Amino acid sequence: MLYIIGLGLNVDGISKYAFDVVKRCKRIYLENYTVDFPYTQSELSEVLDKKLIPANRDFIEGLSIIDEAKKLDVALLVYGSPLTATTHITLIDEAKKSGLRYKIIYNASVFDAIAETGLQLYKFGKIASMPAWKKSYEPDSFMEIVKDNQSINAHSLILVDIGLDFPDAIEQLKKAADNHKIKLPSKLLICQSLGTKHRKIMYKPLKEAEGYSGVKKPYCIIIPSKLHFVEKDFLKDFE
């Protein structure tokens, strides 16, 4: 049987039910390519008291885990909630096609945690993902999502690619906005390691965020749109 398990946001955020499932699984994989973990694999292994096998994109998309789960109980551990990456939907689809039993065990994710900013969740628009740019490849289509959100006065959550340092992310954001003729607001929200002891929420002027290196991974960026007066008051605590 295949278990796809959400770890939540902190190293000890796994549910009691999921913890018990992991204990009886014969093989436990840790998906390691969609997020910068706020803790190490060894720290998680110590909490679970289990050996963890790193699982990269090639391994997951190769679907060999499906064959393994036909013979024994296998767990795939995913940071946050387990179905926020389309790859894991593919796993479920393949399990269905092959007649493999599977179970999803959900947990908290960044989509829950951003409510701590005081921004109203129902006022967020589509989610954008910012890839890390290369010398000859600078994809900026994520800004079209921001443009669409701004057209309906919706906040924009930008998820940042694994390995992308904050100063580089801000530079990419500015350049992408210029390319798409989008005016960024005077202030941005930066959310660091939500749900952990390193959690930090900053509401900074764009100019102050440029070159700022005091942000730990994982982090996300929120481009606020038109603010309700309750949101404005709450954001003052993060200035």
Protein backbone atom coordinates (compact mmCIF):
# COMPACT_ATOMS: atom_id res chain seq x y z
CA MET A 1 0.00 0.00 0.00
CA LEU A 2 1.15 3.54 -0.72
CA TYR A 3 0.78 6.30 1.87
CA ILE A 4 1.33 9.90 0.82
CA ILE A 5 1.81 11.81 4.06
CA GLY A 6 1.92 15.52 4.80
CA LEU A 7 4.56 16.52 7.34
CA GLY A 8 3.10 19.89 8.21
CA LEU A 9 5.38 22.87 8.69
CA ASN A 10 7.54 22.02 11.69
CA VAL A 11 9.82 19.05 12.30
CA ASP A 12 7.33 17.59 14.80
CA GLY A 13 4.21 18.67 12.91
CA ILE A 14 3.25 15.19 11.70
CA SER A 15 -0.10 13.96 13.03
CA LYS A 16 -0.36 11.11 15.53
CA TYR A 17 -2.20 9.00 12.95
CA ALA A 18 0.47 9.61 10.31
CA PHE A 19 3.20 8.89 12.87
CA ASP A 20 1.64 5.49 13.60
CA VAL A 21 1.39 4.74 9.86
CA VAL A 22 5.07 5.60 9.33
CA LYS A 23 6.04 3.26 12.16
CA ARG A 24 4.58 0.26 10.33
CA CYS A 25 5.82 1.13 6.83
CA LYS A 26 8.71 -0.93 5.48
CA ARG A 27 10.13 1.83 3.31
CA ILE A 28 9.90 5.58 3.89
CA TYR A 29 10.80 8.15 1.26
CA LEU A 30 11.26 11.87 1.86
CA GLU A 31 10.39 14.05 -1.13
CA ASN A 32 13.18 16.61 -1.28
CA TYR A 33 12.80 18.70 -4.43
CA THR A 34 9.85 21.05 -3.96
CA VAL A 35 10.84 23.03 -0.86
CA ASP A 36 13.80 24.21 1.20
CA PHE A 37 13.16 22.39 4.48
CA PRO A 38 13.42 24.44 7.70
CA TYR A 39 15.07 21.43 9.35
CA THR A 40 17.47 18.68 8.32
CA GLN A 41 16.65 15.15 7.22
CA SER A 42 18.52 13.79 10.25
CA GLU A 43 16.37 15.89 12.59
CA LEU A 44 13.21 14.50 11.03
CA SER A 45 14.63 10.97 11.09
CA GLU A 46 15.28 11.36 14.81
CA VAL A 47 11.71 12.53 15.48
CA LEU A 48 10.24 9.61 13.53
CA ASP A 49 12.87 7.12 14.72
CA LYS A 50 13.03 5.78 11.18
CA LYS A 51 15.54 5.69 8.33
CA LEU A 52 14.46 8.08 5.54
CA ILE A 53 15.35 7.63 1.89
CA PRO A 54 15.72 10.88 -0.11
CA ALA A 55 13.43 10.97 -3.15
CA ASN A 56 14.24 13.38 -5.96
CA ARG A 57 12.09 14.39 -8.92
CA ASP A 58 13.47 11.70 -11.24
CA PHE A 59 12.66 8.96 -8.73
CA ILE A 60 9.09 10.16 -8.07
CA GLU A 61 8.27 10.81 -11.72
CA GLY A 62 9.80 7.45 -12.66
CA LEU A 63 6.91 5.86 -10.70
CA SER A 64 9.00 2.93 -9.41
CA ILE A 65 7.53 3.70 -5.99
CA ILE A 66 4.23 2.34 -7.34
CA ASP A 67 5.81 -1.05 -8.04
CA GLU A 68 7.37 -1.12 -4.57
CA ALA A 69 4.05 -0.31 -2.90
CA LYS A 70 2.45 -3.32 -4.57
CA LYS A 71 4.72 -5.56 -2.49
CA LEU A 72 4.98 -3.72 0.84
CA ASP A 73 3.75 -0.68 2.75
CA VAL A 74 5.55 2.40 1.47
CA ALA A 75 5.32 5.98 2.75
CA LEU A 76 6.14 9.13 0.80
CA LEU A 77 6.65 12.07 3.16
CA VAL A 78 5.90 15.50 1.73
CA TYR A 79 6.54 18.84 3.42
CA GLY A 80 3.34 20.71 4.24
CA SER A 81 0.25 19.12 2.75
CA PRO A 82 0.85 16.29 0.27
CA LEU A 83 -1.19 17.33 -2.75
CA THR A 84 0.16 20.81 -3.41
CA ALA A 85 2.44 19.47 -6.17
CA THR A 86 0.93 18.06 -9.36
CA THR A 87 3.51 15.25 -9.37
CA HIS A 88 1.74 13.67 -6.43
CA ILE A 89 -1.57 13.75 -8.28
CA THR A 90 0.22 11.76 -10.99
CA LEU A 91 1.18 9.18 -8.38
CA ILE A 92 -2.44 8.80 -7.33
CA ASP A 93 -3.57 8.49 -10.93
CA GLU A 94 -0.99 5.78 -11.56
CA ALA A 95 -2.01 3.96 -8.37
CA LYS A 96 -5.64 3.94 -9.53
CA LYS A 97 -4.72 2.62 -12.96
CA SER A 98 -2.63 -0.19 -11.51
CA GLY A 99 -5.16 -1.15 -8.84
CA LEU A 100 -2.83 -0.14 -6.00
CA ARG A 101 -4.40 0.82 -2.68
CA TYR A 102 -3.32 4.21 -1.44
CA LYS A 103 -4.14 6.70 1.30
CA ILE A 104 -3.56 10.46 1.59
CA ILE A 105 -2.88 11.87 5.05
CA TYR A 106 -3.23 15.64 5.03
CA ASN A 107 -1.56 18.31 7.15
CA ALA A 108 -1.08 22.07 7.41
CA SER A 109 0.62 23.96 4.57
CA VAL A 110 1.75 27.46 3.71
CA PHE A 111 -1.76 28.06 2.32
CA ASP A 112 -3.11 27.84 5.86
CA ALA A 113 -0.21 29.63 7.52
CA ILE A 114 -0.35 32.83 5.46
CA ALA A 115 -3.56 33.70 7.30
CA GLU A 116 -1.28 34.75 10.16
CA THR A 117 -0.40 37.85 8.13
CA GLY A 118 -3.90 39.15 8.77
CA LEU A 119 -4.74 39.18 5.07
CA GLN A 120 -8.13 37.61 4.42
CA LEU A 121 -7.73 34.28 2.65
CA TYR A 122 -10.78 34.71 0.44
CA LYS A 123 -9.14 37.83 -1.01
CA PHE A 124 -6.19 35.88 -2.47
CA GLY A 125 -6.17 35.18 -6.18
CA LYS A 126 -4.32 32.52 -8.16
CA ILE A 127 -1.01 31.29 -6.76
CA ALA A 128 2.18 32.10 -8.64
CA SER A 129 5.48 30.19 -8.60
CA MET A 130 8.75 32.01 -9.19
CA PRO A 131 11.42 29.78 -10.78
CA ALA A 132 15.11 30.36 -10.24
CA TRP A 133 16.56 32.10 -13.29
CA LYS A 134 19.57 30.86 -15.21
CA LYS A 135 21.98 32.90 -17.34
CA SER A 136 20.18 32.07 -20.56
CA TYR A 137 16.71 31.37 -19.18
CA GLU A 138 14.66 33.95 -17.32
CA PRO A 139 11.00 32.79 -17.25
CA ASP A 140 8.74 35.57 -15.99
CA SER A 141 5.26 34.39 -16.95
CA PHE A 142 4.36 34.13 -13.26
CA MET A 143 3.86 37.89 -13.35
CA GLU A 144 0.85 37.42 -15.62
CA ILE A 145 -0.84 35.71 -12.67
CA VAL A 146 -0.03 38.72 -10.52
CA LYS A 147 -1.47 41.01 -13.20
CA ASP A 148 -4.69 38.97 -13.30
CA ASN A 149 -4.96 39.10 -9.52
CA GLN A 150 -4.39 42.85 -9.43
CA SER A 151 -7.18 43.34 -11.98
CA ILE A 152 -9.67 41.97 -9.44
CA ASN A 153 -8.00 43.51 -6.35
CA ALA A 154 -6.79 40.12 -5.14
CA HIS A 155 -3.64 39.46 -3.13
CA SER A 156 -0.89 37.41 -4.83
CA LEU A 157 0.99 34.62 -3.08
CA ILE A 158 4.31 33.90 -4.79
CA LEU A 159 5.97 30.59 -3.97
CA VAL A 160 9.73 30.75 -4.49
CA ASP A 161 11.75 28.03 -6.19
CA ILE A 162 13.98 25.80 -4.08
CA GLY A 163 17.49 27.22 -3.65
CA LEU A 164 16.61 30.80 -4.61
CA ASP A 165 18.09 33.32 -2.16
CA PHE A 166 15.90 36.23 -1.11
CA PRO A 167 17.94 39.10 -2.64
CA ASP A 168 17.92 37.27 -5.98
CA ALA A 169 14.17 36.67 -5.71
CA ILE A 170 13.54 40.39 -5.19
CA GLU A 171 15.68 41.27 -8.21
CA GLN A 172 13.81 38.73 -10.32
CA LEU A 173 10.48 40.08 -9.08
CA LYS A 174 11.39 43.65 -10.04
CA LYS A 175 12.71 42.69 -13.46
CA ALA A 176 9.68 40.49 -14.21
CA ALA A 177 7.33 43.30 -13.17
CA ASP A 178 9.14 45.72 -15.49
CA ASN A 179 8.96 43.22 -18.35
CA HIS A 180 5.19 42.93 -17.93
CA LYS A 181 4.66 46.64 -17.19
CA ILE A 182 3.28 45.89 -13.73
CA LYS A 183 3.58 48.43 -10.95
CA LEU A 184 4.50 46.75 -7.69
CA PRO A 185 3.01 48.14 -4.46
CA SER A 186 5.19 50.22 -2.18
CA LYS A 187 5.32 47.42 0.41
CA LEU A 188 5.63 43.64 0.22
CA LEU A 189 4.97 40.89 2.73
CA ILE A 190 7.77 38.40 3.29
CA CYS A 191 6.90 35.23 5.22
CA GLN A 192 9.76 33.11 6.53
CA SER A 193 9.49 29.55 7.90
CA LEU A 194 5.84 29.85 8.87
CA GLY A 195 4.74 27.35 11.48
CA THR A 196 8.24 26.91 12.94
CA LYS A 197 10.27 28.53 15.71
CA HIS A 198 12.04 30.58 13.01
CA ARG A 199 8.74 32.03 11.79
CA LYS A 200 8.96 35.67 10.77
CA ILE A 201 6.54 37.97 8.95
CA MET A 202 7.87 41.24 7.54
CA TYR A 203 5.95 44.04 5.87
CA LYS A 204 8.71 45.96 4.16
CA PRO A 205 8.97 48.77 1.62
CA LEU A 206 10.17 47.38 -1.69
CA LYS A 207 13.30 49.56 -1.59
CA GLU A 208 14.16 48.25 1.87
CA ALA A 209 13.69 44.64 0.75
CA GLU A 210 16.23 45.08 -2.06
CA GLY A 211 19.53 43.57 -1.00
CA TYR A 212 18.13 42.43 2.36
CA SER A 213 19.80 39.14 3.28
CA GLY A 214 18.13 38.43 6.61
CA VAL A 215 15.52 36.00 5.28
CA LYS A 216 15.89 32.27 5.91
CA LYS A 217 14.49 29.53 3.69
CA PRO A 218 11.78 28.51 3.16
CA TYR A 219 10.04 31.80 2.50
CA CYS A 220 7.32 33.18 0.30
CA ILE A 221 6.41 36.65 -0.95
CA ILE A 222 2.97 38.21 -0.89
CA ILE A 223 2.06 41.14 -3.12
CA PRO A 224 -0.90 42.73 -1.37
CA SER A 225 -3.68 44.33 -3.34
CA LYS A 226 -6.31 46.73 -2.04
CA LEU A 227 -6.36 46.38 1.74
CA HIS A 228 -9.39 46.25 4.02
CA PHE A 229 -8.99 48.56 7.04
CA VAL A 230 -8.75 45.51 9.33
CA GLU A 231 -5.91 44.15 7.19
CA LYS A 232 -4.15 47.53 7.29
CA ASP A 233 -4.30 47.66 11.08
CA PHE A 234 -3.03 44.09 11.46
CA LEU A 235 -0.10 44.64 9.10
CA LYS A 236 1.25 47.45 11.30
CA ASP A 237 2.57 44.79 13.69
CA PHE A 238 4.92 43.52 10.97
CA GLU A 239 6.39 46.85 9.86
